[in-house]
């Protein structure tokens, strides 16, 4: 009886152990297969994500290249515009400066001519004044000479008058008053005649 139970246990165990082993092995294989499948799926997801990111990165790089190229083009255009504007400004400033210099030179020339004309007019006035002054000095000198001559003639006439008056008083019986009148008349006539010849 005991041996039958034992045999039954052993038989059950003999059947159960391989069955359990087979079940465990299949379970492990299923688990490994599931793990491998999950890993492959994750790897595929990672690969797909990486490829997507790579494509997006390529797009971003191309966009960046286009943006850089556009920025360089715009910058080059701006630089050319700035250079052109600067050249135009320099030309305008140069033209304006040349115009102002020309106007200033013309003004200086006009002022110089005006100053020369005034100087020449002043020189002419000075020369005319000098001539007038010289003529006036000559007239004064002539007048002084004439005055001196008249004074000398007057003194001479007075002397002659006195002499003639004395002679007349001695020779004739004229009164002093009549003798003076005769002498005075004679002297005045002679002085007028000589003065008229001097003039």
C-alpha atoms as a PDB file:
ATOM      1  CA  UNK A   1       0.000   0.000   0.000  1.00  0.00           C
ATOM      2  CA  UNK A   2       2.753   2.315   1.019  1.00  0.00           C
ATOM      3  CA  UNK A   3       4.786   1.238  -1.944  1.00  0.00           C
ATOM      4  CA  UNK A   4       1.899   1.957  -4.243  1.00  0.00           C
ATOM      5  CA  UNK A   5       1.563   5.472  -2.838  1.00  0.00           C
ATOM      6  CA  UNK A   6       5.245   5.965  -3.156  1.00  0.00           C
ATOM      7  CA  UNK A   7       5.197   4.710  -6.675  1.00  0.00           C
ATOM      8  CA  UNK A   8       2.243   6.951  -7.417  1.00  0.00           C
ATOM      9  CA  UNK A   9       4.148   9.968  -6.009  1.00  0.00           C
ATOM     10  CA  UNK A  10       7.263   9.050  -7.909  1.00  0.00           C
ATOM     11  CA  UNK A  11       5.251   8.584 -11.084  1.00  0.00           C
ATOM     12  CA  UNK A  12       3.480  11.870 -10.529  1.00  0.00           C
ATOM     13  CA  UNK A  13       6.804  13.543  -9.849  1.00  0.00           C
ATOM     14  CA  UNK A  14       8.343  11.922 -12.882  1.00  0.00           C
ATOM     15  CA  UNK A  15       5.559  13.282 -14.991  1.00  0.00           C
ATOM     16  CA  UNK A  16       5.306  16.651 -13.182  1.00  0.00           C
ATOM     17  CA  UNK A  17       9.039  17.545 -13.184  1.00  0.00           C
ATOM     18  CA  UNK A  18       9.512  17.292 -16.953  1.00  0.00           C
ATOM     19  CA  UNK A  19       6.190  18.980 -17.474  1.00  0.00           C
ATOM     20  CA  UNK A  20       7.189  21.760 -15.082  1.00  0.00           C
ATOM     21  CA  UNK A  21      10.542  22.047 -16.793  1.00  0.00           C
ATOM     22  CA  UNK A  22       8.885  22.243 -20.185  1.00  0.00           C
ATOM     23  CA  UNK A  23       6.385  24.818 -18.911  1.00  0.00           C
ATOM     24  CA  UNK A  24       9.168  26.831 -17.240  1.00  0.00           C
ATOM     25  CA  UNK A  25      11.307  26.655 -20.324  1.00  0.00           C
ATOM     26  CA  UNK A  26       8.471  27.796 -22.521  1.00  0.00           C
ATOM     27  CA  UNK A  27       7.688  30.592 -20.045  1.00  0.00           C
ATOM     28  CA  UNK A  28      11.311  31.724 -20.069  1.00  0.00           C
ATOM     29  CA  UNK A  29      11.376  31.580 -23.867  1.00  0.00           C
ATOM     30  CA  UNK A  30       8.162  33.585 -24.064  1.00  0.00           C
ATOM     31  CA  UNK A  31       9.556  36.128 -21.568  1.00  0.00           C
ATOM     32  CA  UNK A  32      12.843  36.384 -23.445  1.00  0.00           C
ATOM     33  CA  UNK A  33      10.957  36.690 -26.731  1.00  0.00           C
ATOM     34  CA  UNK A  34       8.771  39.395 -25.228  1.00  0.00           C
ATOM     35  CA  UNK A  35      11.841  41.166 -23.835  1.00  0.00           C
ATOM     36  CA  UNK A  36      13.648  40.920 -27.179  1.00  0.00           C
ATOM     37  CA  UNK A  37      10.533  42.126 -28.980  1.00  0.00           C
ATOM     38  CA  UNK A  38      10.153  45.023 -26.568  1.00  0.00           C
ATOM     39  CA  UNK A  39      13.848  45.884 -26.963  1.00  0.00           C
ATOM     40  CA  UNK A  40      13.583  45.733 -30.722  1.00  0.00           C
ATOM     41  CA  UNK A  41      10.479  47.901 -30.636  1.00  0.00           C
ATOM     42  CA  UNK A  42      12.210  50.397 -28.382  1.00  0.00           C
ATOM     43  CA  UNK A  43      15.281  50.272 -30.608  1.00  0.00           C
ATOM     44  CA  UNK A  44      13.070  50.900 -33.645  1.00  0.00           C
ATOM     45  CA  UNK A  45      11.349  53.764 -31.843  1.00  0.00           C
ATOM     46  CA  UNK A  46      14.734  55.212 -30.874  1.00  0.00           C
ATOM     47  CA  UNK A  47      15.999  54.724 -34.428  1.00  0.00           C
ATOM     48  CA  UNK A  48      12.864  56.322 -35.898  1.00  0.00           C
ATOM     49  CA  UNK A  49      13.141  59.183 -33.407  1.00  0.00           C
ATOM     50  CA  UNK A  50      16.828  59.632 -34.203  1.00  0.00           C
ATOM     51  CA  UNK A  51      16.119  59.608 -37.936  1.00  0.00           C
ATOM     52  CA  UNK A  52      13.295  62.122 -37.405  1.00  0.00           C
ATOM     53  CA  UNK A  53      15.540  64.323 -35.315  1.00  0.00           C
ATOM     54  CA  UNK A  54      18.248  63.951 -37.947  1.00  0.00           C
ATOM     55  CA  UNK A  55      15.821  64.991 -40.678  1.00  0.00           C
ATOM     56  CA  UNK A  56      14.619  67.906 -38.537  1.00  0.00           C
ATOM     57  CA  UNK A  57      18.234  68.838 -37.834  1.00  0.00           C
ATOM     58  CA  UNK A  58      19.010  68.707 -41.554  1.00  0.00           C
ATOM     59  CA  UNK A  59      16.005  70.929 -42.205  1.00  0.00           C
ATOM     60  CA  UNK A  60      17.138  73.303 -39.469  1.00  0.00           C
ATOM     61  CA  UNK A  61      20.676  73.341 -40.906  1.00  0.00           C
ATOM     62  CA  UNK A  62      19.318  74.085 -44.375  1.00  0.00           C
ATOM     63  CA  UNK A  63      17.064  76.791 -42.930  1.00  0.00           C
ATOM     64  CA  UNK A  64      20.046  78.201 -41.044  1.00  0.00           C
ATOM     65  CA  UNK A  65      22.143  78.155 -44.217  1.00  0.00           C
ATOM     66  CA  UNK A  66      19.392  79.920 -46.127  1.00  0.00           C
ATOM     67  CA  UNK A  67      18.972  82.415 -43.277  1.00  0.00           C
ATOM     68  CA  UNK A  68      22.730  83.061 -43.191  1.00  0.00           C
ATOM     69  CA  UNK A  69      22.850  83.418 -46.967  1.00  0.00           C
ATOM     70  CA  UNK A  70      19.897  85.823 -46.894  1.00  0.00           C
ATOM     71  CA  UNK A  71      21.467  87.777 -44.042  1.00  0.00           C
ATOM     72  CA  UNK A  72      24.750  87.978 -45.959  1.00  0.00           C
ATOM     73  CA  UNK A  73      22.890  89.107 -49.089  1.00  0.00           C
ATOM     74  CA  UNK A  74      20.952  91.752 -47.159  1.00  0.00           C
ATOM     75  CA  UNK A  75      24.116  92.844 -45.354  1.00  0.00           C
ATOM     76  CA  UNK A  76      25.956  93.098 -48.670  1.00  0.00           C
ATOM     77  CA  UNK A  77      23.131  95.174 -50.143  1.00  0.00           C
ATOM     78  CA  UNK A  78      23.075  97.385 -47.059  1.00  0.00           C
ATOM     79  CA  UNK A  79      26.863  97.768 -47.242  1.00  0.00           C
ATOM     80  CA  UNK A  80      26.655  98.724 -50.927  1.00  0.00           C
ATOM     81  CA  UNK A  81      23.841 101.166 -50.178  1.00  0.00           C
ATOM     82  CA  UNK A  82      25.837 102.643 -47.281  1.00  0.00           C
ATOM     83  CA  UNK A  83      28.959 102.994 -49.460  1.00  0.00           C
ATOM     84  CA  UNK A  84      26.905 104.594 -52.236  1.00  0.00           C
ATOM     85  CA  UNK A  85      25.214 106.972 -49.768  1.00  0.00           C
ATOM     86  CA  UNK A  86      28.594 107.858 -48.248  1.00  0.00           C
ATOM     87  CA  UNK A  87      30.072 108.555 -51.699  1.00  0.00           C
ATOM     88  CA  UNK A  88      27.075 110.705 -52.585  1.00  0.00           C
ATOM     89  CA  UNK A  89      27.386 112.593 -49.291  1.00  0.00           C
ATOM     90  CA  UNK A  90      31.105 113.142 -49.864  1.00  0.00           C
ATOM     91  CA  UNK A  91      30.396 114.392 -53.395  1.00  0.00           C
ATOM     92  CA  UNK A  92      27.700 116.757 -52.131  1.00  0.00           C
ATOM     93  CA  UNK A  93      29.954 118.083 -49.365  1.00  0.00           C
ATOM     94  CA  UNK A  94      32.835 118.535 -51.822  1.00  0.00           C
ATOM     95  CA  UNK A  95      30.570 120.342 -54.292  1.00  0.00           C
ATOM     96  CA  UNK A  96      29.201 122.594 -51.554  1.00  0.00           C
ATOM     97  CA  UNK A  97      32.699 123.330 -50.248  1.00  0.00           C
ATOM     98  CA  UNK A  98      33.954 124.162 -53.751  1.00  0.00           C
ATOM     99  CA  UNK A  99      30.958 126.452 -54.291  1.00  0.00           C
ATOM    100  CA  UNK A 100      31.580 128.254 -50.988  1.00  0.00           C
ATOM    101  CA  UNK A 101      35.311 128.582 -51.775  1.00  0.00           C
ATOM    102  CA  UNK A 102      34.463 130.020 -55.207  1.00  0.00           C
ATOM    103  CA  UNK A 103      31.999 132.480 -53.679  1.00  0.00           C
ATOM    104  CA  UNK A 104      34.505 133.468 -50.979  1.00  0.00           C
ATOM    105  CA  UNK A 105      37.217 134.016 -53.585  1.00  0.00           C
ATOM    106  CA  UNK A 106      34.847 136.163 -55.655  1.00  0.00           C
ATOM    107  CA  UNK A 107      33.930 138.169 -52.544  1.00  0.00           C
ATOM    108  CA  UNK A 108      37.602 138.611 -51.615  1.00  0.00           C
ATOM    109  CA  UNK A 109      38.388 139.716 -55.186  1.00  0.00           C
ATOM    110  CA  UNK A 110      35.491 142.183 -55.112  1.00  0.00           C
ATOM    111  CA  UNK A 111      36.626 143.580 -51.757  1.00  0.00           C
ATOM    112  CA  UNK A 112      40.222 143.826 -52.990  1.00  0.00           C
ATOM    113  CA  UNK A 113      39.105 145.722 -56.104  1.00  0.00           C
ATOM    114  CA  UNK A 114      36.947 148.001 -53.986  1.00  0.00           C
ATOM    115  CA  UNK A 115      39.834 148.636 -51.585  1.00  0.00           C
ATOM    116  CA  UNK A 116      42.205 149.337 -54.515  1.00  0.00           C
ATOM    117  CA  UNK A 117      39.657 151.733 -56.053  1.00  0.00           C
ATOM    118  CA  UNK A 118      39.244 153.536 -52.718  1.00  0.00           C
ATOM    119  CA  UNK A 119      43.010 153.668 -52.279  1.00  0.00           C
ATOM    120  CA  UNK A 120      43.463 155.082 -55.781  1.00  0.00           C
ATOM    121  CA  UNK A 121      40.713 157.648 -55.186  1.00  0.00           C
ATOM    122  CA  UNK A 122      42.337 158.604 -51.890  1.00  0.00           C
ATOM    123  CA  UNK A 123      45.721 158.905 -53.614  1.00  0.00           C
ATOM    124  CA  UNK A 124      44.150 161.188 -56.237  1.00  0.00           C
ATOM    125  CA  UNK A 125      42.544 163.311 -53.511  1.00  0.00           C
ATOM    126  CA  UNK A 126      45.849 163.521 -51.654  1.00  0.00           C
ATOM    127  CA  UNK A 127      47.664 164.480 -54.847  1.00  0.00           C
ATOM    128  CA  UNK A 128      45.020 167.126 -55.630  1.00  0.00           C
ATOM    129  CA  UNK A 129      45.240 168.412 -52.056  1.00  0.00           C
ATOM    130  CA  UNK A 130      49.048 168.498 -52.309  1.00  0.00           C
ATOM    131  CA  UNK A 131      48.804 170.403 -55.588  1.00  0.00           C
ATOM    132  CA  UNK A 132      46.332 172.835 -54.086  1.00  0.00           C
ATOM    133  CA  UNK A 133      48.528 173.226 -51.012  1.00  0.00           C
ATOM    134  CA  UNK A 134      51.585 173.814 -53.196  1.00  0.00           C
ATOM    135  CA  UNK A 135      49.644 176.344 -55.282  1.00  0.00           C
ATOM    136  CA  UNK A 136      48.427 178.029 -52.113  1.00  0.00           C
ATOM    137  CA  UNK A 137      51.960 178.111 -50.724  1.00  0.00           C
ATOM    138  CA  UNK A 138      53.167 179.632 -53.989  1.00  0.00           C
ATOM    139  CA  UNK A 139      50.389 182.219 -53.799  1.00  0.00           C
ATOM    140  CA  UNK A 140      51.315 182.965 -50.183  1.00  0.00           C
ATOM    141  CA  UNK A 141      54.970 183.282 -51.191  1.00  0.00           C
ATOM    142  CA  UNK A 142      54.018 185.549 -54.077  1.00  0.00           C
ATOM    143  CA  UNK A 143      51.801 187.583 -51.805  1.00  0.00           C
ATOM    144  CA  UNK A 144      54.585 187.827 -49.236  1.00  0.00           C
ATOM    145  CA  UNK A 145      56.988 188.954 -51.966  1.00  0.00           C
ATOM    146  CA  UNK A 146      54.471 191.494 -53.221  1.00  0.00           C
ATOM    147  CA  UNK A 147      53.794 192.699 -49.705  1.00  0.00           C
ATOM    148  CA  UNK A 148      57.511 193.037 -49.048  1.00  0.00           C
ATOM    149  CA  UNK A 149      57.946 194.843 -52.346  1.00  0.00           C
ATOM    150  CA  UNK A 150      55.053 197.144 -51.515  1.00  0.00           C
ATOM    151  CA  UNK A 151      56.469 197.779 -48.040  1.00  0.00           C
ATOM    152  CA  UNK A 152      59.870 198.480 -49.553  1.00  0.00           C
ATOM    153  CA  UNK A 153      58.313 200.755 -52.174  1.00  0.00           C
ATOM    154  CA  UNK A 154      56.238 202.462 -49.505  1.00  0.00           C
ATOM    155  CA  UNK A 155      59.327 203.050 -47.392  1.00  0.00           C
ATOM    156  CA  UNK A 156      61.184 204.292 -50.461  1.00  0.00           C
ATOM    157  CA  UNK A 157      58.241 206.503 -51.351  1.00  0.00           C
ATOM    158  CA  UNK A 158      58.151 207.900 -47.826  1.00  0.00           C
ATOM    159  CA  UNK A 159      61.861 208.629 -47.996  1.00  0.00           C
ATOM    160  CA  UNK A 160      61.574 210.218 -51.463  1.00  0.00           C
ATOM    161  CA  UNK A 161      58.549 212.153 -50.291  1.00  0.00           C
ATOM    162  CA  UNK A 162      60.434 213.564 -47.387  1.00  0.00           C
ATOM    163  CA  UNK A 163      63.366 214.435 -49.608  1.00  0.00           C
ATOM    164  CA  UNK A 164      61.157 216.095 -52.241  1.00  0.00           C
ATOM    165  CA  UNK A 165      59.199 217.840 -49.556  1.00  0.00           C
ATOM    166  CA  UNK A 166      62.369 219.229 -48.142  1.00  0.00           C
ATOM    167  CA  UNK A 167      63.634 220.298 -51.604  1.00  0.00           C
ATOM    168  CA  UNK A 168      60.324 221.875 -52.498  1.00  0.00           C
ATOM    169  CA  UNK A 169      60.271 223.812 -49.316  1.00  0.00           C
ATOM    170  CA  UNK A 170      63.754 224.982 -50.049  1.00  0.00           C
ATOM    171  CA  UNK A 171      63.300 225.790 -53.786  1.00  0.00           C
ATOM    172  CA  UNK A 172      59.728 226.995 -53.961  1.00  0.00           C
ATOM    173  CA  UNK A 173      57.792 228.993 -51.642  1.00  0.00           C
ATOM    174  CA  UNK A 174      55.099 226.227 -51.243  1.00  0.00           C
ATOM    175  CA  UNK A 175      53.513 225.830 -47.991  1.00  0.00           C
ATOM    176  CA  UNK A 176      54.136 222.562 -46.233  1.00  0.00           C
ATOM    177  CA  UNK A 177      50.586 221.386 -46.758  1.00  0.00           C
ATOM    178  CA  UNK A 178      50.654 222.052 -50.500  1.00  0.00           C
ATOM    179  CA  UNK A 179      54.071 220.500 -50.891  1.00  0.00           C
ATOM    180  CA  UNK A 180      52.908 217.390 -49.052  1.00  0.00           C
ATOM    181  CA  UNK A 181      49.878 217.100 -51.296  1.00  0.00           C
ATOM    182  CA  UNK A 182      51.989 217.376 -54.462  1.00  0.00           C
ATOM    183  CA  UNK A 183      54.526 214.854 -53.252  1.00  0.00           C
ATOM    184  CA  UNK A 184      51.844 212.471 -52.018  1.00  0.00           C
ATOM    185  CA  UNK A 185      50.096 212.592 -55.353  1.00  0.00           C
ATOM    186  CA  UNK A 186      53.353 211.939 -57.228  1.00  0.00           C
ATOM    187  CA  UNK A 187      54.370 209.062 -54.963  1.00  0.00           C
ATOM    188  CA  UNK A 188      50.928 207.419 -55.057  1.00  0.00           C
ATOM    189  CA  UNK A 189      50.909 207.563 -58.855  1.00  0.00           C
ATOM    190  CA  UNK A 190      54.364 205.974 -59.052  1.00  0.00           C
ATOM    191  CA  UNK A 191      53.521 203.205 -56.507  1.00  0.00           C
ATOM    192  CA  UNK A 192      50.296 202.332 -58.316  1.00  0.00           C
ATOM    193  CA  UNK A 193      52.140 202.132 -61.609  1.00  0.00           C
ATOM    194  CA  UNK A 194      54.833 199.817 -60.204  1.00  0.00           C
ATOM    195  CA  UNK A 195      52.308 197.682 -58.343  1.00  0.00           C
ATOM    196  CA  UNK A 196      50.282 197.235 -61.535  1.00  0.00           C
ATOM    197  CA  UNK A 197      53.415 196.112 -63.363  1.00  0.00           C
ATOM    198  CA  UNK A 198      54.176 193.561 -60.604  1.00  0.00           C
ATOM    199  CA  UNK A 199      50.752 192.017 -60.758  1.00  0.00           C
END
